[in-house]
Protein backbone atom coordinates (compact mmCIF):
# COMPACT_ATOMS: atom_id res chain seq x y z
CA MET A 1 -21.40 -1.79 -10.70
CA THR A 2 -23.24 1.40 -9.70
CA ARG A 3 -22.53 0.84 -6.01
CA VAL A 4 -18.85 0.19 -6.72
CA LEU A 5 -18.50 3.38 -8.77
CA ALA A 6 -20.47 5.36 -6.18
CA ALA A 7 -18.20 4.12 -3.38
CA GLY A 8 -15.05 5.18 -5.24
CA LEU A 9 -16.49 8.59 -6.12
CA LEU A 10 -17.74 9.22 -2.58
CA ALA A 11 -14.37 8.29 -1.05
CA MET A 12 -12.59 10.64 -3.45
CA VAL A 13 -14.94 13.56 -2.70
CA LEU A 14 -14.70 12.97 1.06
CA ALA A 15 -10.89 13.05 0.95
CA ILE A 16 -10.84 16.23 -1.14
CA VAL A 17 -13.46 18.05 0.96
CA ALA A 18 -12.02 17.02 4.32
CA GLY A 19 -8.41 17.57 3.26
CA PRO A 20 -7.95 21.27 4.18
CA ARG A 21 -9.43 20.89 7.67
CA PHE A 22 -7.47 17.72 8.29
CA ILE A 23 -4.20 19.34 7.21
CA SER A 24 -4.95 22.35 9.42
CA TRP A 25 -5.71 20.03 12.36
CA ILE A 26 -2.39 18.19 11.87
CA LYS A 27 -0.49 21.50 11.65
CA THR A 28 -1.98 22.87 14.88
CA ARG A 29 -0.67 19.79 16.69
CA GLY A 30 2.81 20.16 15.28
CA ILE A 31 2.77 16.75 13.62
CA GLY A 32 5.44 17.04 10.94
CA GLN A 33 7.57 14.69 8.89
CA GLN A 34 11.01 13.84 10.22
CA ILE A 35 13.48 13.53 7.33
CA ARG A 36 16.31 11.00 7.67
CA ASP A 37 19.79 12.49 7.48
CA GLU A 38 21.11 9.92 4.99
CA GLY A 39 18.49 10.76 2.35
CA PRO A 40 19.00 13.07 -0.67
CA GLU A 41 19.98 16.59 0.39
CA ARG A 42 17.07 18.31 -1.32
CA HIS A 43 14.64 16.38 0.91
CA SER A 44 15.67 18.51 3.88
CA GLU A 45 13.24 21.20 2.74
CA LYS A 46 10.39 18.75 3.39
CA GLN A 47 11.20 18.64 7.11
CA GLY A 48 8.09 19.47 9.13
CA THR A 49 5.56 18.84 6.34
CA PRO A 50 2.32 17.56 7.96
CA THR A 51 2.18 13.77 8.04
CA MET A 52 -0.14 10.93 9.14
CA GLY A 53 -2.36 11.62 6.13
CA GLY A 54 -3.12 7.90 6.12
CA LEU A 55 -5.82 8.74 8.68
CA LEU A 56 -7.58 10.81 6.03
CA ILE A 57 -7.29 7.99 3.47
CA LEU A 58 -8.64 5.35 5.83
CA ALA A 59 -11.53 7.50 7.05
CA ALA A 60 -12.50 8.49 3.51
CA ALA A 61 -12.48 4.81 2.46
CA ALA A 62 -14.29 3.47 5.53
CA ILE A 63 -17.35 5.73 5.27
CA PRO A 64 -18.51 4.66 1.77
CA TYR A 65 -17.71 1.02 2.55
CA PHE A 66 -19.89 1.03 5.66
CA LEU A 67 -22.63 2.95 3.87
CA LEU A 68 -22.73 0.85 0.68
CA GLY A 69 -20.94 -2.41 1.48
CA LYS A 70 -22.55 -5.70 2.46
CA MET A 71 -19.94 -6.63 5.08
CA THR A 72 -19.04 -10.05 3.66
CA VAL A 73 -16.41 -12.00 5.58
CA PRO A 74 -13.71 -11.80 2.83
CA ALA A 75 -14.09 -8.03 2.54
CA LEU A 76 -14.13 -7.59 6.31
CA ALA A 77 -10.95 -9.67 6.53
CA VAL A 78 -9.23 -7.27 4.10
CA PHE A 79 -10.72 -4.31 5.96
CA VAL A 80 -9.33 -5.52 9.30
CA VAL A 81 -5.87 -6.26 7.84
CA THR A 82 -5.83 -2.81 6.24
CA PHE A 83 -6.93 -0.87 9.30
CA GLY A 84 -4.94 -3.06 11.67
CA SER A 85 -1.80 -2.29 9.66
CA GLY A 86 -2.83 1.36 9.68
CA ILE A 87 -2.88 1.28 13.49
CA ILE A 88 0.62 -0.21 13.51
CA GLY A 89 1.70 2.58 11.16
CA LEU A 90 0.03 5.17 13.40
CA MET A 91 2.00 3.87 16.38
CA ASP A 92 5.14 4.20 14.31
CA ASP A 93 4.29 7.75 13.22
CA LEU A 94 3.48 8.84 16.77
CA ALA A 95 6.78 7.40 18.01
CA LYS A 96 8.63 9.45 15.36
CA VAL A 97 6.80 12.63 16.34
CA ARG A 98 7.39 12.06 20.04
CA ARG A 99 11.10 11.33 19.58
CA LYS A 100 11.51 14.00 16.87
CA ARG A 101 13.52 11.60 14.70
CA SER A 102 12.92 9.57 11.53
CA LEU A 103 12.96 6.23 13.38
CA GLY A 104 9.82 4.99 15.11
CA LEU A 105 9.02 1.42 16.08
CA SER A 106 11.76 -1.13 15.56
CA GLY A 107 11.51 -3.47 12.59
CA LYS A 108 11.05 -6.44 14.94
CA SER A 109 8.17 -4.73 16.74
CA LYS A 110 6.35 -3.96 13.49
CA MET A 111 6.84 -7.47 12.12
CA GLY A 112 5.69 -9.00 15.41
CA LEU A 113 2.48 -6.97 15.39
CA GLN A 114 1.92 -7.81 11.71
CA LEU A 115 2.44 -11.50 12.47
CA VAL A 116 -0.25 -11.48 15.15
CA LEU A 117 -2.63 -9.54 12.88
CA VAL A 118 -2.17 -11.89 9.91
CA ALA A 119 -2.42 -15.01 12.07
CA VAL A 120 -5.77 -13.97 13.54
CA VAL A 121 -7.31 -12.61 10.33
CA GLY A 122 -5.88 -15.47 8.24
CA TRP A 123 -7.43 -18.08 10.52
CA VAL A 124 -10.80 -16.32 10.35
CA ALA A 125 -10.59 -16.06 6.54
CA VAL A 126 -9.80 -19.76 6.10
CA ARG A 127 -12.29 -20.89 8.75
CA PHE A 128 -15.27 -18.68 7.90
CA ALA A 129 -14.70 -17.11 4.46
CA GLY A 130 -13.93 -20.27 2.51
CA ILE A 131 -10.41 -19.14 1.60
CA ASP A 132 -8.46 -22.25 0.63
CA THR A 133 -4.78 -22.89 1.20
CA GLN A 134 -3.93 -23.44 -2.46
CA VAL A 135 -1.91 -21.08 -4.63
CA HIS A 136 -3.05 -20.66 -8.21
CA ILE A 137 -0.44 -20.25 -10.96
CA PRO A 138 -1.94 -17.95 -13.65
CA LEU A 139 -2.42 -19.35 -17.18
CA ALA A 140 -0.86 -22.70 -16.21
CA ASP A 141 -3.96 -24.13 -14.52
CA TRP A 142 -1.81 -25.32 -11.63
CA GLU A 143 -2.90 -25.39 -8.00
CA ILE A 144 -0.22 -25.82 -5.34
CA GLU A 145 -1.49 -26.93 -1.94
CA LEU A 146 0.47 -25.31 0.89
CA GLY A 147 -1.57 -26.47 3.86
CA PRO A 148 -0.44 -24.70 7.07
CA PHE A 149 2.45 -23.09 5.17
CA TYR A 150 -0.14 -20.93 3.43
CA PHE A 151 -0.21 -18.74 6.54
CA VAL A 152 3.53 -18.18 6.12
CA LEU A 153 2.91 -17.01 2.55
CA ALA A 154 0.06 -14.74 3.71
CA PHE A 155 2.33 -13.15 6.32
CA LEU A 156 5.16 -12.66 3.81
CA LEU A 157 2.77 -10.98 1.37
CA VAL A 158 1.18 -8.67 3.94
CA SER A 159 4.43 -7.74 5.67
CA GLY A 160 6.33 -7.56 2.38
CA PHE A 161 3.88 -5.30 0.57
CA ALA A 162 3.24 -3.14 3.64
CA ASN A 163 6.95 -2.43 3.96
CA ALA A 164 7.47 -2.15 0.19
CA VAL A 165 4.81 0.56 -0.10
CA ASN A 166 6.41 2.21 2.92
CA LEU A 167 9.73 2.27 1.04
CA THR A 168 8.01 3.65 -2.07
CA ASP A 169 6.52 6.52 -0.08
CA GLY A 170 9.62 8.65 -0.48
CA LEU A 171 8.50 11.17 -3.10
CA ASP A 172 5.43 13.39 -3.23
CA GLY A 173 2.47 11.41 -4.55
CA LEU A 174 4.54 8.39 -5.55
CA ALA A 175 2.92 5.85 -3.21
CA ALA A 176 -0.61 7.26 -3.46
CA GLY A 177 -0.57 7.20 -7.27
CA THR A 178 0.97 3.75 -7.65
CA VAL A 179 -1.23 2.11 -4.99
CA GLY A 180 -4.33 3.77 -6.43
CA THR A 181 -3.54 2.26 -9.84
CA CYS A 182 -3.08 -1.22 -8.35
CA LEU A 183 -6.35 -0.88 -6.43
CA LEU A 184 -8.12 -0.03 -9.69
CA ALA A 185 -6.85 -3.33 -11.11
CA TYR A 186 -8.14 -5.16 -8.04
CA ALA A 187 -11.51 -3.46 -8.25
CA GLY A 188 -11.79 -4.97 -11.74
CA ILE A 189 -10.45 -8.39 -10.73
CA THR A 190 -12.76 -8.79 -7.75
CA PHE A 191 -15.75 -7.48 -9.72
CA LEU A 192 -15.17 -10.05 -12.49
CA SER A 193 -14.78 -12.74 -9.82
CA GLY A 194 -18.27 -11.96 -8.51
CA GLU A 195 -16.88 -10.57 -5.24
CA ARG A 196 -18.78 -7.30 -5.44
CA ASP A 197 -18.15 -6.36 -1.80
CA LEU A 198 -14.40 -6.71 -2.32
CA ALA A 199 -14.70 -4.61 -5.48
CA LEU A 200 -16.54 -1.95 -3.50
CA LEU A 201 -13.83 -1.93 -0.81
CA SER A 202 -11.11 -1.73 -3.48
CA ALA A 203 -12.91 1.18 -5.14
CA SER A 204 -13.31 2.96 -1.80
CA LEU A 205 -9.59 2.70 -1.07
CA MET A 206 -8.74 3.74 -4.63
CA GLY A 207 -11.03 6.79 -4.46
CA ALA A 208 -9.52 7.80 -1.13
CA CYS A 209 -6.01 7.57 -2.64
CA ILE A 210 -7.04 9.79 -5.56
CA GLY A 211 -8.63 12.34 -3.23
CA PHE A 212 -5.56 12.32 -1.01
CA LEU A 213 -3.37 12.79 -4.07
CA TRP A 214 -5.01 16.20 -4.55
CA TYR A 215 -2.97 17.40 -1.56
CA ASN A 216 -0.09 14.91 -1.73
CA SER A 217 0.98 15.62 -5.32
CA PHE A 218 4.23 17.51 -5.87
CA PRO A 219 4.90 19.70 -3.94
CA ALA A 220 3.06 17.85 -1.18
CA GLU A 221 1.00 19.66 1.45
CA ILE A 222 0.79 16.47 3.50
CA PHE A 223 2.37 13.01 3.60
CA MET A 224 0.52 9.75 4.25
CA GLY A 225 3.12 8.54 6.74
CA ASP A 226 3.45 4.94 7.87
CA THR A 227 -0.23 5.11 8.83
CA GLY A 228 -1.11 5.18 5.17
CA SER A 229 1.72 3.25 3.55
CA LEU A 230 1.53 0.20 5.83
CA ALA A 231 -2.27 0.13 5.54
CA LEU A 232 -2.35 0.39 1.75
CA GLY A 233 0.40 -2.19 1.25
CA ALA A 234 -1.46 -4.59 3.53
CA ALA A 235 -4.67 -3.89 1.61
CA LEU A 236 -3.07 -4.98 -1.68
CA ALA A 237 -1.74 -8.18 -0.10
CA GLY A 238 -5.07 -8.85 1.60
CA LEU A 239 -6.93 -8.47 -1.68
CA ALA A 240 -4.46 -10.87 -3.31
CA VAL A 241 -5.03 -13.51 -0.62
CA VAL A 242 -8.82 -13.44 -0.60
CA SER A 243 -9.06 -13.28 -4.41
CA GLY A 244 -6.61 -16.14 -4.96
CA THR A 245 -4.15 -13.94 -6.87
CA GLU A 246 -1.13 -14.37 -4.61
CA VAL A 247 1.18 -14.81 -7.60
CA LEU A 248 -0.47 -12.18 -9.79
CA VAL A 249 -0.05 -9.43 -7.18
CA LEU A 250 3.71 -9.64 -7.75
CA LEU A 251 3.08 -8.50 -11.34
CA ILE A 252 0.41 -5.92 -10.51
CA GLY A 253 2.58 -4.47 -7.75
CA ALA A 254 5.87 -4.89 -9.63
CA VAL A 255 7.01 -1.37 -8.75
CA PHE A 256 6.78 -2.17 -5.04
CA VAL A 257 8.61 -5.45 -5.59
CA ALA A 258 11.37 -3.53 -7.41
CA GLU A 259 11.61 -0.95 -4.62
CA ALA A 260 12.01 -3.66 -1.97
CA LEU A 261 14.46 -5.69 -4.07
CA SER A 262 16.62 -2.62 -4.69
CA VAL A 263 17.10 -2.24 -0.93
CA ILE A 264 17.87 -5.94 -0.46
CA ILE A 265 20.35 -5.95 -3.37
CA GLN A 266 22.03 -2.81 -2.08
CA VAL A 267 22.45 -4.17 1.44
CA VAL A 268 23.68 -7.61 0.34
CA SER A 269 26.09 -6.14 -2.21
CA PHE A 270 27.57 -3.67 0.25
CA ARG A 271 27.95 -6.19 3.06
CA THR A 272 29.38 -8.88 0.78
CA PHE A 273 31.44 -6.95 -1.76
CA HIS A 274 31.62 -3.49 -0.12
CA ARG A 275 30.16 -2.04 -3.30
CA ARG A 276 26.88 -0.30 -4.01
CA VAL A 277 24.78 -1.34 -7.00
CA PHE A 278 22.63 1.81 -6.86
CA LEU A 279 23.63 5.36 -6.05
CA MET A 280 21.06 5.14 -3.26
CA ALA A 281 18.25 2.75 -2.37
CA PRO A 282 15.32 2.42 -2.66
CA ILE A 283 15.58 2.80 -6.39
CA HIS A 284 13.62 6.05 -6.77
CA HIS A 285 16.45 7.77 -4.86
CA HIS A 286 18.90 6.33 -7.39
CA PHE A 287 17.13 8.26 -10.14
CA GLU A 288 17.09 11.39 -7.98
CA LEU A 289 20.88 11.24 -7.71
CA LYS A 290 21.05 10.81 -11.50
CA ASN A 291 19.47 14.28 -11.62
CA TRP A 292 15.99 13.23 -12.70
CA SER A 293 13.48 15.75 -11.43
CA GLU A 294 11.14 14.55 -8.71
CA SER A 295 8.05 15.06 -10.87
CA LYS A 296 9.61 13.08 -13.74
CA ILE A 297 10.38 10.12 -11.45
CA ILE A 298 6.88 10.15 -10.01
CA VAL A 299 5.06 10.28 -13.35
CA ARG A 300 7.29 7.60 -14.89
CA PHE A 301 6.73 5.30 -11.92
CA TRP A 302 2.98 5.88 -12.31
CA ILE A 303 3.24 4.94 -15.99
CA VAL A 304 5.23 1.78 -15.25
CA THR A 305 2.70 0.82 -12.56
CA ALA A 306 -0.17 1.31 -15.02
CA ILE A 307 1.58 -0.98 -17.52
CA PHE A 308 2.14 -3.77 -14.98
CA ALA A 309 -1.31 -3.40 -13.41
CA SER A 310 -2.90 -3.60 -16.86
CA ALA A 311 -0.82 -6.68 -17.67
CA GLY A 312 -1.91 -8.31 -14.44
CA PHE A 313 -5.56 -7.54 -15.06
CA THR A 314 -5.30 -8.84 -18.64
CA MET A 315 -3.64 -12.04 -17.43
CA PHE A 316 -6.41 -12.56 -14.88
CA PHE A 317 -9.09 -11.98 -17.53
CA ALA A 318 -7.42 -14.45 -19.90
CA ASP A 319 -7.09 -16.98 -17.06
CA ILE A 320 -10.80 -17.02 -16.20
CA ARG A 321 -12.02 -17.32 -19.80
């Protein structure tokens, strides 16, 4: 427990201490956020805000993990998925900066790279980490064997959560706060499961999110960019896969599920019925256009995330008793 707490605290302190120099370094290179034209009008003032803060999060999390972690295969599998997705996000961010537009890599390119990453890491996890291909249904004591189709589920989780967190990263501190809360739940879940190295990695990522939030809270001095959002979403999915909580992560990360579903519903409704369900998707923009203040939306989403993450942790605890 001491090592887990120390890892989270060290990651937080590293992110806070390194933050000013990192932000200054990003500014000197002219790496700023490109705001999409179709977004809410008041977001235009965020144009040029330093981005790619995911590099700070990943560095702050990696150092305590390498210093205090035991490098078990399950934890390393999550680590590789996380940082591999971060590299994909970095490529996307660099493409946006180079083109000076809000569009980077194509969706097909990102999904193709994610597919290769999940296929390689998933095979290693099943072959060498003892990860089985069954899906556990919480509280029902059911095990569903998926066989080779398990890799399809793993890809859908990693790609789905990576992109869902990316969608959520539309307001200052929204993604960092919600992901940090979910990672806290996973630090507890993996610790109770006896996977102390996974708990330490979860705590490291959580601490880095909290430290980053010091500079990312409203009004943000820096954004995490796709480098951070894709990495953190993949981390949540990776933790779900190696801990056997593939179903439970949908509850813990319910806010991200809702963000992704709001976009899907909006697109399907408009293409089918030529009507919009929401004023704007993803759903946090809907509340912006209903004249909720940005800070109110952020804090309320944090509260909702805490409720669902607590429910997921409680369900896991009841399931193992």
